Amino acid sequence: MITGEIKREHINKSLAKLDEIYGVTKETFYHHQPWQLLAAIMLSAQSTDKQVEEALPQLFDRFPDAKDMAEASLDEIEDAIRSIGLYKNKAKNLKRCCEQIINEFGGEVPGNIEGLLCLAGVGRKTATLYLSDAYGIPGVTVDTHVFRISKRLGWAIGKNPVQVELELQEVLPEEHWNRINFQLIYHGRTVCTARKAKCGECVLEVWCEKKMD
């Protein structure tokens, strides 16, 4: 039986190994203004970082301010992000989000999760990641990789991302909250993949409580 003390030791060793392999910091998306960072994170959903980074310079040259985006037509926005997955829906959300920033928040992106969640296209994952990248505010961002791997490792048992987020906040030291997302994304893309975990190649395998078939 794994006791709480042994579980803590396993988590700490796993975190140290993740730090060693994937580092403790990541570069944020290309941006000059807070609304641009928020827009970039919104665009990254179900798209690769490479796709987003390649589209951002042209997008922000075309729409330098949130007001420009708010006043643009959907066709114009769609044309600027056509290379990104789900571009039609994302264009609609970007326009509405910028309208809200201008009309409801005085041109400023909300600096708290409650305000961010009022914006079109901004869910809890996007809001938490934005606060982390923009201000360094501690928060666990639970995407599909974090959800999958944290449960495989035995760090969480929640049935939805919010439950897993709260569980991870309990078991992970706060200084690891902001970086666990990108570390597990990298790990999930290369080793602990959705279709079949490559346990034989995994540096965390020795501390993993839930071995895959």
Protein backbone atom coordinates (compact mmCIF):
# COMPACT_ATOMS: atom_id res chain seq x y z
CA MET A 1 0.00 0.00 0.00
CA ILE A 2 1.28 3.46 -0.92
CA THR A 3 1.24 5.74 2.09
CA GLY A 4 0.90 9.49 1.92
CA GLU A 5 4.59 9.91 2.72
CA ILE A 6 5.68 7.58 -0.08
CA LYS A 7 3.25 9.22 -2.51
CA ARG A 8 4.72 12.62 -1.68
CA GLU A 9 8.22 11.27 -2.30
CA HIS A 10 7.13 9.85 -5.67
CA ILE A 11 5.57 13.17 -6.71
CA ASN A 12 8.62 15.18 -5.66
CA LYS A 13 10.98 12.89 -7.57
CA SER A 14 8.71 13.04 -10.63
CA LEU A 15 8.62 16.84 -10.49
CA ALA A 16 12.40 17.03 -10.20
CA LYS A 17 12.76 14.80 -13.26
CA LEU A 18 10.26 16.92 -15.25
CA ASP A 19 12.24 20.05 -14.32
CA GLU A 20 15.45 18.37 -15.46
CA ILE A 21 14.09 17.24 -18.82
CA TYR A 22 11.71 20.03 -19.84
CA GLY A 23 13.02 23.01 -17.89
CA VAL A 24 11.16 25.34 -15.55
CA THR A 25 10.26 28.21 -17.89
CA LYS A 26 8.74 28.57 -21.32
CA GLU A 27 8.46 31.46 -23.71
CA THR A 28 5.05 33.02 -24.03
CA PHE A 29 3.42 33.61 -27.41
CA TYR A 30 4.54 36.57 -29.51
CA HIS A 31 2.68 39.66 -28.29
CA HIS A 32 3.09 43.34 -27.40
CA GLN A 33 -0.11 43.97 -25.46
CA PRO A 34 -2.08 41.92 -22.91
CA TRP A 35 -5.07 41.41 -25.24
CA GLN A 36 -2.71 39.96 -27.84
CA LEU A 37 -1.42 37.36 -25.38
CA LEU A 38 -4.99 36.42 -24.53
CA ALA A 39 -5.83 36.18 -28.24
CA ALA A 40 -2.81 33.95 -28.87
CA ILE A 41 -3.82 31.57 -26.07
CA MET A 42 -7.36 31.45 -27.42
CA LEU A 43 -6.03 30.60 -30.88
CA SER A 44 -3.82 27.81 -29.51
CA ALA A 45 -6.77 25.60 -28.54
CA GLN A 46 -6.66 22.43 -30.67
CA SER A 47 -3.86 23.94 -32.76
CA THR A 48 -0.10 23.63 -32.64
CA ASP A 49 2.05 26.39 -31.16
CA LYS A 50 3.88 26.55 -34.50
CA GLN A 51 0.67 27.29 -36.40
CA VAL A 52 -0.23 30.04 -33.95
CA GLU A 53 3.23 31.64 -33.83
CA GLU A 54 3.38 31.80 -37.63
CA ALA A 55 0.01 33.58 -37.80
CA LEU A 56 0.49 36.09 -34.97
CA PRO A 57 2.81 38.69 -36.55
CA GLN A 58 0.52 39.17 -39.54
CA LEU A 59 -2.57 39.15 -37.31
CA PHE A 60 -1.24 41.85 -34.99
CA ASP A 61 0.12 43.94 -37.84
CA ARG A 62 -3.35 43.88 -39.35
CA PHE A 63 -5.13 44.55 -36.03
CA PRO A 64 -2.69 46.45 -33.77
CA ASP A 65 -5.24 47.18 -31.03
CA ALA A 66 -8.21 45.41 -29.49
CA LYS A 67 -10.42 48.18 -30.94
CA ASP A 68 -9.21 47.31 -34.45
CA MET A 69 -10.14 43.68 -33.89
CA ALA A 70 -13.50 44.60 -32.40
CA GLU A 71 -14.39 46.77 -35.40
CA ALA A 72 -13.13 44.35 -38.05
CA SER A 73 -15.47 42.15 -40.05
CA LEU A 74 -15.53 38.44 -39.42
CA ASP A 75 -14.29 37.86 -42.95
CA GLU A 76 -11.21 39.97 -42.27
CA ILE A 77 -10.40 38.13 -39.05
CA GLU A 78 -11.04 34.74 -40.61
CA ASP A 79 -8.72 35.60 -43.48
CA ALA A 80 -5.93 36.50 -41.03
CA ILE A 81 -6.16 33.23 -39.06
CA ARG A 82 -7.24 30.83 -41.81
CA SER A 83 -4.15 28.65 -41.27
CA ILE A 84 -5.24 27.87 -37.69
CA GLY A 85 -7.64 25.07 -36.81
CA LEU A 86 -11.28 26.00 -36.12
CA TYR A 87 -10.57 29.47 -37.48
CA LYS A 88 -14.21 30.40 -38.12
CA ASN A 89 -15.31 29.86 -34.53
CA LYS A 90 -12.12 31.43 -33.20
CA ALA A 91 -12.63 34.52 -35.36
CA LYS A 92 -16.13 34.94 -33.95
CA ASN A 93 -14.84 34.61 -30.39
CA LEU A 94 -11.91 36.97 -30.98
CA LYS A 95 -14.17 39.69 -32.33
CA ARG A 96 -16.70 39.34 -29.51
CA CYS A 97 -13.97 39.12 -26.87
CA CYS A 98 -12.35 42.34 -28.09
CA GLU A 99 -15.75 44.05 -28.20
CA GLN A 100 -16.22 43.12 -24.55
CA ILE A 101 -12.73 44.31 -23.60
CA ILE A 102 -13.45 47.69 -25.20
CA ASN A 103 -17.07 48.15 -24.14
CA GLU A 104 -17.27 46.38 -20.80
CA PHE A 105 -13.74 46.56 -19.37
CA GLY A 106 -12.51 49.97 -20.52
CA GLY A 107 -10.05 48.56 -23.00
CA GLU A 108 -8.20 46.49 -20.39
CA VAL A 109 -8.05 42.72 -20.16
CA PRO A 110 -9.45 41.62 -16.78
CA GLY A 111 -6.73 40.69 -14.32
CA ASN A 112 -8.70 38.05 -12.46
CA ILE A 113 -10.27 34.76 -13.39
CA GLU A 114 -13.82 35.93 -12.70
CA GLY A 115 -13.53 38.76 -15.22
CA LEU A 116 -11.75 36.64 -17.80
CA LEU A 117 -14.45 34.00 -17.69
CA CYS A 118 -16.96 36.65 -18.77
CA LEU A 119 -15.17 37.01 -22.12
CA ALA A 120 -16.29 35.14 -25.23
CA GLY A 121 -14.14 32.13 -26.00
CA VAL A 122 -12.34 32.21 -22.64
CA GLY A 123 -12.77 29.12 -20.49
CA ARG A 124 -11.08 28.23 -17.25
CA LYS A 125 -8.04 26.70 -18.95
CA THR A 126 -7.43 29.80 -21.09
CA ALA A 127 -8.01 32.15 -18.17
CA THR A 128 -5.63 30.29 -15.85
CA LEU A 129 -2.92 30.09 -18.50
CA TYR A 130 -3.29 33.79 -19.31
CA LEU A 131 -2.91 34.82 -15.65
CA SER A 132 0.11 32.55 -15.35
CA ASP A 133 1.84 33.84 -18.50
CA ALA A 134 0.91 37.50 -18.05
CA TYR A 135 1.39 37.94 -14.31
CA GLY A 136 2.96 34.78 -12.95
CA ILE A 137 -0.15 34.13 -10.87
CA PRO A 138 0.01 30.51 -9.66
CA GLY A 139 -2.55 28.23 -11.27
CA VAL A 140 -2.80 24.68 -12.58
CA THR A 141 -3.92 24.67 -16.21
CA VAL A 142 -5.61 21.36 -16.97
CA ASP A 143 -5.68 20.52 -20.66
CA THR A 144 -6.08 17.04 -22.15
CA HIS A 145 -2.43 16.11 -21.50
CA VAL A 146 -2.45 17.23 -17.87
CA PHE A 147 -5.81 15.53 -17.30
CA ARG A 148 -4.63 12.25 -18.80
CA ILE A 149 -1.13 12.04 -17.35
CA SER A 150 -1.93 13.22 -13.83
CA LYS A 151 -4.53 10.44 -13.60
CA ARG A 152 -2.15 7.85 -15.04
CA LEU A 153 0.47 8.85 -12.49
CA GLY A 154 -2.05 8.60 -9.69
CA TRP A 155 -1.88 12.29 -8.79
CA ALA A 156 -5.60 12.82 -9.37
CA ILE A 157 -8.79 10.84 -9.81
CA GLY A 158 -11.24 13.61 -10.78
CA LYS A 159 -13.78 13.03 -13.52
CA ASN A 160 -13.49 16.50 -15.06
CA PRO A 161 -10.78 19.17 -15.49
CA VAL A 162 -11.98 21.34 -12.60
CA GLN A 163 -11.85 18.41 -10.17
CA VAL A 164 -8.36 17.49 -11.38
CA GLU A 165 -7.25 21.12 -11.11
CA LEU A 166 -8.28 21.26 -7.45
CA GLU A 167 -6.67 17.89 -6.71
CA LEU A 168 -3.38 18.95 -8.30
CA GLN A 169 -3.38 22.16 -6.29
CA GLU A 170 -3.53 19.95 -3.22
CA VAL A 171 -0.72 17.56 -4.13
CA LEU A 172 1.70 19.79 -6.08
CA PRO A 173 3.87 22.46 -4.46
CA GLU A 174 2.64 25.89 -5.56
CA GLU A 175 5.95 26.73 -7.25
CA HIS A 176 5.25 23.91 -9.72
CA TRP A 177 1.71 24.91 -10.63
CA ASN A 178 2.54 27.19 -13.54
CA ARG A 179 5.06 24.91 -15.19
CA ILE A 180 3.32 21.56 -14.80
CA ASN A 181 1.14 22.38 -17.82
CA PHE A 182 3.87 22.82 -20.41
CA GLN A 183 5.96 20.02 -18.91
CA LEU A 184 3.13 17.48 -19.18
CA ILE A 185 2.18 18.78 -22.64
CA TYR A 186 5.71 18.02 -23.86
CA HIS A 187 5.70 14.67 -22.06
CA GLY A 188 2.27 13.82 -23.40
CA ARG A 189 3.20 14.58 -26.99
CA THR A 190 6.32 12.43 -26.98
CA VAL A 191 6.05 9.71 -24.33
CA CYS A 192 2.78 9.45 -22.39
CA THR A 193 0.66 9.73 -25.51
CA ALA A 194 -3.11 9.44 -25.59
CA ARG A 195 -3.30 6.33 -27.74
CA LYS A 196 -0.59 4.29 -26.05
CA ALA A 197 1.73 5.30 -23.24
CA LYS A 198 5.36 4.42 -23.96
CA CYS A 199 6.04 3.23 -20.42
CA GLY A 200 9.33 1.60 -21.36
CA GLU A 201 10.67 5.01 -22.45
CA CYS A 202 9.19 7.00 -19.57
CA VAL A 203 11.50 8.51 -16.97
CA LEU A 204 8.54 8.69 -14.56
CA GLU A 205 7.61 5.02 -14.93
CA VAL A 206 9.26 3.98 -11.67
CA TRP A 207 7.00 6.36 -9.71
CA CYS A 208 3.85 5.85 -11.78
CA GLU A 209 1.02 4.36 -9.74
CA LYS A 210 -1.20 3.41 -12.67
CA LYS A 211 0.51 1.36 -15.33
CA MET A 212 -1.18 1.27 -18.73
CA ASP A 213 -2.10 -1.92 -20.63
